[in-house]
Amino acid sequence: MPLQMAFGITARDVRAVLVKNAAKVVCTSDTTTDVLAAKLFHSFSEEEMDDIALAAMDAFLEDKPEADGAHRAIRRILIKRGVLDVSRRVSEKHAVSVPARQSAVFATAHN
């Protein structure tokens, strides 16, 4: 059984991270958050999926919600891929849902 089956990672987890970090999403266009989340989810490598599952299990062992650990790992992956720009400082008032755009960084989600 693959490691990620232990947690059950889905595109909903990726969507939750995108929504929570909407103001830091680098890509913008007509693509919805749901579509971007699905594309990113399907582009995750086996290693990335295992990292997410391990983070979920680590959170469980620390008596924290598994989803919190998984979402932190997904966020790290999205930062590494350039989908999220954590250097942006945006107030909660200005945080809006941001669709994704086609770009070189976003291209990794299409493979």
N, C-alpha and C. Protein backbone atom coordinates (compact mmCIF):
# COMPACT_ATOMS: atom_id res chain seq x y z
N MET A 1 0.84 -1.18 0.00
CA MET A 1 0.00 0.00 0.00
C MET A 1 0.89 1.24 0.00
N PRO A 2 0.67 2.17 -0.95
CA PRO A 2 1.45 3.40 -0.96
C PRO A 2 1.24 4.19 0.33
N LEU A 3 2.28 4.89 0.74
CA LEU A 3 2.24 5.64 1.99
C LEU A 3 1.10 6.66 2.01
N GLN A 4 0.86 7.33 0.89
CA GLN A 4 -0.16 8.38 0.87
C GLN A 4 -1.57 7.83 1.08
N MET A 5 -1.76 6.53 0.90
CA MET A 5 -3.08 5.94 1.14
C MET A 5 -3.43 5.96 2.63
N ALA A 6 -2.42 6.06 3.48
CA ALA A 6 -2.67 6.09 4.92
C ALA A 6 -3.42 7.36 5.33
N PHE A 7 -3.19 8.45 4.65
CA PHE A 7 -3.87 9.71 4.98
C PHE A 7 -5.04 9.98 4.05
N GLY A 8 -4.95 9.60 2.79
CA GLY A 8 -6.03 9.86 1.84
C GLY A 8 -6.01 11.27 1.30
N ILE A 9 -4.89 11.70 0.76
CA ILE A 9 -4.72 13.04 0.20
C ILE A 9 -5.61 13.19 -1.03
N THR A 10 -6.28 14.34 -1.13
CA THR A 10 -7.14 14.60 -2.30
C THR A 10 -6.91 16.01 -2.81
N ALA A 11 -7.52 16.31 -3.94
CA ALA A 11 -7.46 17.67 -4.50
C ALA A 11 -8.12 18.67 -3.55
N ARG A 12 -9.03 18.20 -2.70
CA ARG A 12 -9.66 19.10 -1.72
C ARG A 12 -8.63 19.66 -0.75
N ASP A 13 -7.63 18.84 -0.40
CA ASP A 13 -6.57 19.33 0.49
C ASP A 13 -5.78 20.43 -0.19
N VAL A 14 -5.48 20.25 -1.47
CA VAL A 14 -4.74 21.28 -2.22
C VAL A 14 -5.59 22.54 -2.32
N ARG A 15 -6.88 22.37 -2.59
CA ARG A 15 -7.79 23.52 -2.69
C ARG A 15 -7.84 24.28 -1.37
N ALA A 16 -7.89 23.57 -0.26
CA ALA A 16 -7.93 24.22 1.05
C ALA A 16 -6.70 25.08 1.27
N VAL A 17 -5.54 24.59 0.85
CA VAL A 17 -4.29 25.36 0.98
C VAL A 17 -4.33 26.58 0.06
N LEU A 18 -4.81 26.41 -1.16
CA LEU A 18 -4.90 27.54 -2.09
C LEU A 18 -5.85 28.62 -1.56
N VAL A 19 -6.98 28.20 -1.03
CA VAL A 19 -7.95 29.16 -0.50
C VAL A 19 -7.37 29.89 0.70
N LYS A 20 -6.74 29.15 1.60
CA LYS A 20 -6.17 29.77 2.80
C LYS A 20 -5.06 30.76 2.45
N ASN A 21 -4.36 30.51 1.35
CA ASN A 21 -3.24 31.35 0.93
C ASN A 21 -3.56 32.11 -0.35
N ALA A 22 -4.83 32.41 -0.58
CA ALA A 22 -5.28 33.02 -1.84
C ALA A 22 -4.52 34.29 -2.21
N ALA A 23 -4.21 35.11 -1.24
CA ALA A 23 -3.53 36.37 -1.52
C ALA A 23 -2.07 36.16 -1.93
N LYS A 24 -1.55 34.97 -1.74
CA LYS A 24 -0.16 34.69 -2.06
C LYS A 24 0.00 33.83 -3.31
N VAL A 25 -1.13 33.51 -3.97
CA VAL A 25 -1.06 32.73 -5.21
C VAL A 25 -0.47 33.62 -6.29
N VAL A 26 0.58 33.13 -6.93
CA VAL A 26 1.30 33.92 -7.92
C VAL A 26 0.52 34.03 -9.22
N CYS A 27 -0.14 32.99 -9.61
CA CYS A 27 -0.81 32.92 -10.91
C CYS A 27 -2.23 33.45 -10.81
N THR A 28 -2.63 34.26 -11.80
CA THR A 28 -4.01 34.72 -11.86
C THR A 28 -4.51 34.67 -13.29
N SER A 29 -5.73 34.25 -13.51
CA SER A 29 -6.41 34.26 -14.81
C SER A 29 -7.81 33.70 -14.64
N ASP A 30 -8.31 33.06 -15.69
CA ASP A 30 -9.67 32.55 -15.67
C ASP A 30 -9.80 31.16 -15.05
N THR A 31 -8.70 30.53 -14.70
CA THR A 31 -8.77 29.19 -14.11
C THR A 31 -9.29 29.29 -12.68
N THR A 32 -10.22 28.43 -12.35
CA THR A 32 -10.79 28.46 -11.00
C THR A 32 -9.84 27.78 -10.02
N THR A 33 -10.07 28.04 -8.76
CA THR A 33 -9.28 27.42 -7.70
C THR A 33 -9.44 25.90 -7.75
N ASP A 34 -10.66 25.44 -8.02
CA ASP A 34 -10.91 23.99 -8.09
C ASP A 34 -10.10 23.33 -9.20
N VAL A 35 -10.05 23.97 -10.36
CA VAL A 35 -9.30 23.41 -11.49
C VAL A 35 -7.80 23.42 -11.18
N LEU A 36 -7.30 24.52 -10.64
CA LEU A 36 -5.89 24.59 -10.29
C LEU A 36 -5.54 23.53 -9.25
N ALA A 37 -6.38 23.38 -8.25
CA ALA A 37 -6.13 22.37 -7.21
C ALA A 37 -6.05 20.98 -7.80
N ALA A 38 -6.96 20.66 -8.69
CA ALA A 38 -6.97 19.33 -9.32
C ALA A 38 -5.71 19.12 -10.16
N LYS A 39 -5.32 20.13 -10.92
CA LYS A 39 -4.12 20.01 -11.76
C LYS A 39 -2.87 19.84 -10.91
N LEU A 40 -2.77 20.62 -9.85
CA LEU A 40 -1.62 20.50 -8.97
C LEU A 40 -1.59 19.13 -8.29
N PHE A 41 -2.73 18.71 -7.78
CA PHE A 41 -2.82 17.41 -7.11
C PHE A 41 -2.33 16.29 -8.02
N HIS A 42 -2.79 16.29 -9.26
CA HIS A 42 -2.42 15.23 -10.20
C HIS A 42 -0.98 15.34 -10.67
N SER A 43 -0.35 16.48 -10.42
CA SER A 43 1.05 16.64 -10.83
C SER A 43 2.03 16.28 -9.71
N PHE A 44 1.52 16.03 -8.51
CA PHE A 44 2.40 15.67 -7.39
C PHE A 44 3.11 14.36 -7.69
N SER A 45 4.40 14.34 -7.40
CA SER A 45 5.17 13.11 -7.57
C SER A 45 4.88 12.16 -6.43
N GLU A 46 5.30 10.92 -6.59
CA GLU A 46 5.15 9.92 -5.53
C GLU A 46 5.87 10.39 -4.26
N GLU A 47 7.04 10.97 -4.43
CA GLU A 47 7.82 11.47 -3.29
C GLU A 47 7.07 12.60 -2.57
N GLU A 48 6.49 13.52 -3.34
CA GLU A 48 5.74 14.62 -2.73
C GLU A 48 4.51 14.10 -1.99
N MET A 49 3.83 13.12 -2.57
CA MET A 49 2.66 12.54 -1.92
C MET A 49 3.07 11.85 -0.62
N ASP A 50 4.20 11.16 -0.64
CA ASP A 50 4.70 10.52 0.58
C ASP A 50 5.07 11.55 1.64
N ASP A 51 5.68 12.66 1.22
CA ASP A 51 6.02 13.73 2.16
C ASP A 51 4.77 14.29 2.83
N ILE A 52 3.71 14.44 2.06
CA ILE A 52 2.45 14.95 2.61
C ILE A 52 1.87 13.96 3.61
N ALA A 53 1.89 12.69 3.24
CA ALA A 53 1.36 11.65 4.14
C ALA A 53 2.17 11.57 5.43
N LEU A 54 3.49 11.67 5.31
CA LEU A 54 4.33 11.64 6.51
C LEU A 54 4.05 12.84 7.42
N ALA A 55 3.85 14.01 6.81
CA ALA A 55 3.54 15.20 7.60
C ALA A 55 2.21 15.03 8.33
N ALA A 56 1.24 14.38 7.68
CA ALA A 56 -0.05 14.12 8.32
C ALA A 56 0.13 13.18 9.50
N MET A 57 0.92 12.13 9.30
CA MET A 57 1.16 11.18 10.39
C MET A 57 1.93 11.81 11.54
N ASP A 58 2.91 12.66 11.22
CA ASP A 58 3.66 13.36 12.27
C ASP A 58 2.73 14.25 13.09
N ALA A 59 1.81 14.93 12.43
CA ALA A 59 0.85 15.78 13.15
C ALA A 59 0.00 14.92 14.08
N PHE A 60 -0.43 13.77 13.59
CA PHE A 60 -1.24 12.86 14.42
C PHE A 60 -0.47 12.45 15.66
N LEU A 61 0.80 12.12 15.48
CA LEU A 61 1.63 11.70 16.61
C LEU A 61 1.84 12.82 17.62
N GLU A 62 1.71 14.07 17.18
CA GLU A 62 1.84 15.23 18.05
C GLU A 62 0.48 15.69 18.57
N ASP A 63 -0.54 14.84 18.43
CA ASP A 63 -1.90 15.14 18.86
C ASP A 63 -2.48 16.39 18.20
N LYS A 64 -2.15 16.56 16.93
CA LYS A 64 -2.70 17.65 16.13
C LYS A 64 -3.49 17.04 14.99
N PRO A 65 -4.40 17.79 14.39
CA PRO A 65 -5.16 17.24 13.26
C PRO A 65 -4.23 16.85 12.10
N GLU A 66 -4.47 15.67 11.53
CA GLU A 66 -3.66 15.20 10.41
C GLU A 66 -3.71 16.18 9.25
N ALA A 67 -4.88 16.76 9.01
CA ALA A 67 -5.03 17.70 7.89
C ALA A 67 -4.10 18.89 8.05
N ASP A 68 -3.88 19.35 9.28
CA ASP A 68 -2.97 20.48 9.50
C ASP A 68 -1.56 20.14 9.02
N GLY A 69 -1.08 18.97 9.38
CA GLY A 69 0.24 18.55 8.94
C GLY A 69 0.32 18.40 7.43
N ALA A 70 -0.71 17.79 6.85
CA ALA A 70 -0.73 17.61 5.40
C ALA A 70 -0.77 18.95 4.68
N HIS A 71 -1.57 19.87 5.18
CA HIS A 71 -1.70 21.18 4.53
C HIS A 71 -0.40 21.98 4.63
N ARG A 72 0.32 21.84 5.74
CA ARG A 72 1.63 22.50 5.84
C ARG A 72 2.59 21.94 4.79
N ALA A 73 2.57 20.63 4.60
CA ALA A 73 3.45 20.01 3.60
C ALA A 73 3.06 20.43 2.19
N ILE A 74 1.76 20.50 1.92
CA ILE A 74 1.30 20.95 0.60
C ILE A 74 1.73 22.39 0.37
N ARG A 75 1.60 23.22 1.37
CA ARG A 75 2.02 24.63 1.27
C ARG A 75 3.50 24.72 0.93
N ARG A 76 4.33 23.91 1.61
CA ARG A 76 5.77 23.91 1.31
C ARG A 76 6.03 23.53 -0.14
N ILE A 77 5.31 22.55 -0.65
CA ILE A 77 5.48 22.12 -2.03
C ILE A 77 5.07 23.24 -2.99
N LEU A 78 3.96 23.89 -2.70
CA LEU A 78 3.49 24.98 -3.57
C LEU A 78 4.44 26.16 -3.55
N ILE A 79 5.07 26.41 -2.42
CA ILE A 79 6.07 27.47 -2.33
C ILE A 79 7.29 27.08 -3.17
N LYS A 80 7.72 25.84 -3.01
CA LYS A 80 8.89 25.34 -3.76
C LYS A 80 8.64 25.41 -5.27
N ARG A 81 7.42 25.14 -5.70
CA ARG A 81 7.07 25.17 -7.11
C ARG A 81 6.84 26.59 -7.63
N GLY A 82 6.74 27.55 -6.73
CA GLY A 82 6.51 28.93 -7.14
C GLY A 82 5.05 29.28 -7.33
N VAL A 83 4.16 28.43 -6.89
CA VAL A 83 2.73 28.70 -6.99
C VAL A 83 2.31 29.71 -5.93
N LEU A 84 2.95 29.64 -4.76
CA LEU A 84 2.70 30.60 -3.67
C LEU A 84 3.95 31.45 -3.47
N ASP A 85 3.75 32.73 -3.30
CA ASP A 85 4.84 33.66 -3.02
C ASP A 85 4.70 34.13 -1.58
N VAL A 86 5.50 33.57 -0.68
CA VAL A 86 5.39 33.91 0.73
C VAL A 86 6.06 35.23 1.08
N SER A 87 6.73 35.84 0.12
CA SER A 87 7.33 37.15 0.40
C SER A 87 6.28 38.25 0.38
N ARG A 88 5.11 37.95 -0.17
CA ARG A 88 4.03 38.93 -0.19
C ARG A 88 3.43 39.07 1.19
N ARG A 89 3.27 40.29 1.63
CA ARG A 89 2.59 40.56 2.90
C ARG A 89 1.28 41.24 2.56
N VAL A 90 0.21 40.50 2.78
CA VAL A 90 -1.11 41.00 2.42
C VAL A 90 -1.99 40.96 3.66
N SER A 91 -2.69 42.05 3.89
CA SER A 91 -3.60 42.08 5.04
C SER A 91 -4.82 41.23 4.72
N GLU A 92 -5.52 40.78 5.76
CA GLU A 92 -6.71 39.95 5.59
C GLU A 92 -7.78 40.66 4.77
N LYS A 93 -7.84 42.01 4.87
CA LYS A 93 -8.84 42.77 4.12
C LYS A 93 -8.65 42.60 2.63
N HIS A 94 -7.39 42.47 2.20
CA HIS A 94 -7.09 42.41 0.78
C HIS A 94 -6.97 40.99 0.26
N ALA A 95 -7.11 40.03 1.11
CA ALA A 95 -7.02 38.63 0.67
C ALA A 95 -8.28 38.26 -0.09
N VAL A 96 -8.11 37.86 -1.33
CA VAL A 96 -9.23 37.45 -2.17
C VAL A 96 -8.90 36.14 -2.84
N SER A 97 -9.93 35.45 -3.26
CA SER A 97 -9.72 34.20 -3.99
C SER A 97 -9.12 34.54 -5.34
N VAL A 98 -7.99 33.94 -5.66
CA VAL A 98 -7.27 34.26 -6.89
C VAL A 98 -7.21 33.04 -7.78
N PRO A 99 -7.79 33.12 -8.99
CA PRO A 99 -7.66 32.01 -9.92
C PRO A 99 -6.22 31.89 -10.41
N ALA A 100 -5.94 30.82 -11.10
CA ALA A 100 -4.58 30.57 -11.57
C ALA A 100 -4.44 30.98 -13.03
N ARG A 101 -3.22 31.23 -13.43
CA ARG A 101 -2.97 31.57 -14.83
C ARG A 101 -1.96 30.61 -15.41
N GLN A 102 -1.94 30.57 -16.70
CA GLN A 102 -0.98 29.73 -17.42
C GLN A 102 0.37 30.44 -17.37
N SER A 103 1.38 29.83 -16.83
CA SER A 103 2.71 30.41 -16.78
C SER A 103 3.73 29.31 -16.76
N ALA A 104 4.99 29.68 -16.83
CA ALA A 104 6.06 28.67 -16.78
C ALA A 104 6.02 27.95 -15.45
N VAL A 105 5.77 28.65 -14.37
CA VAL A 105 5.70 28.04 -13.04
C VAL A 105 4.50 27.11 -12.98
N PHE A 106 3.37 27.56 -13.51
CA PHE A 106 2.14 26.78 -13.48
C PHE A 106 2.22 25.56 -14.39
N ALA A 107 3.14 25.59 -15.35
CA ALA A 107 3.26 24.48 -16.29
C ALA A 107 3.50 23.15 -15.61
N THR A 108 4.12 23.16 -14.44
CA THR A 108 4.37 21.90 -13.74
C THR A 108 3.08 21.22 -13.36
N ALA A 109 2.00 21.98 -13.25
CA ALA A 109 0.72 21.40 -12.89
C ALA A 109 0.05 20.72 -14.08
N HIS A 110 0.56 20.96 -15.28
CA HIS A 110 -0.05 20.38 -16.47
C HIS A 110 0.59 19.06 -16.87
N ASN A 111 1.65 18.68 -16.25
CA ASN A 111 2.34 17.45 -16.63
C ASN A 111 1.78 16.25 -15.93
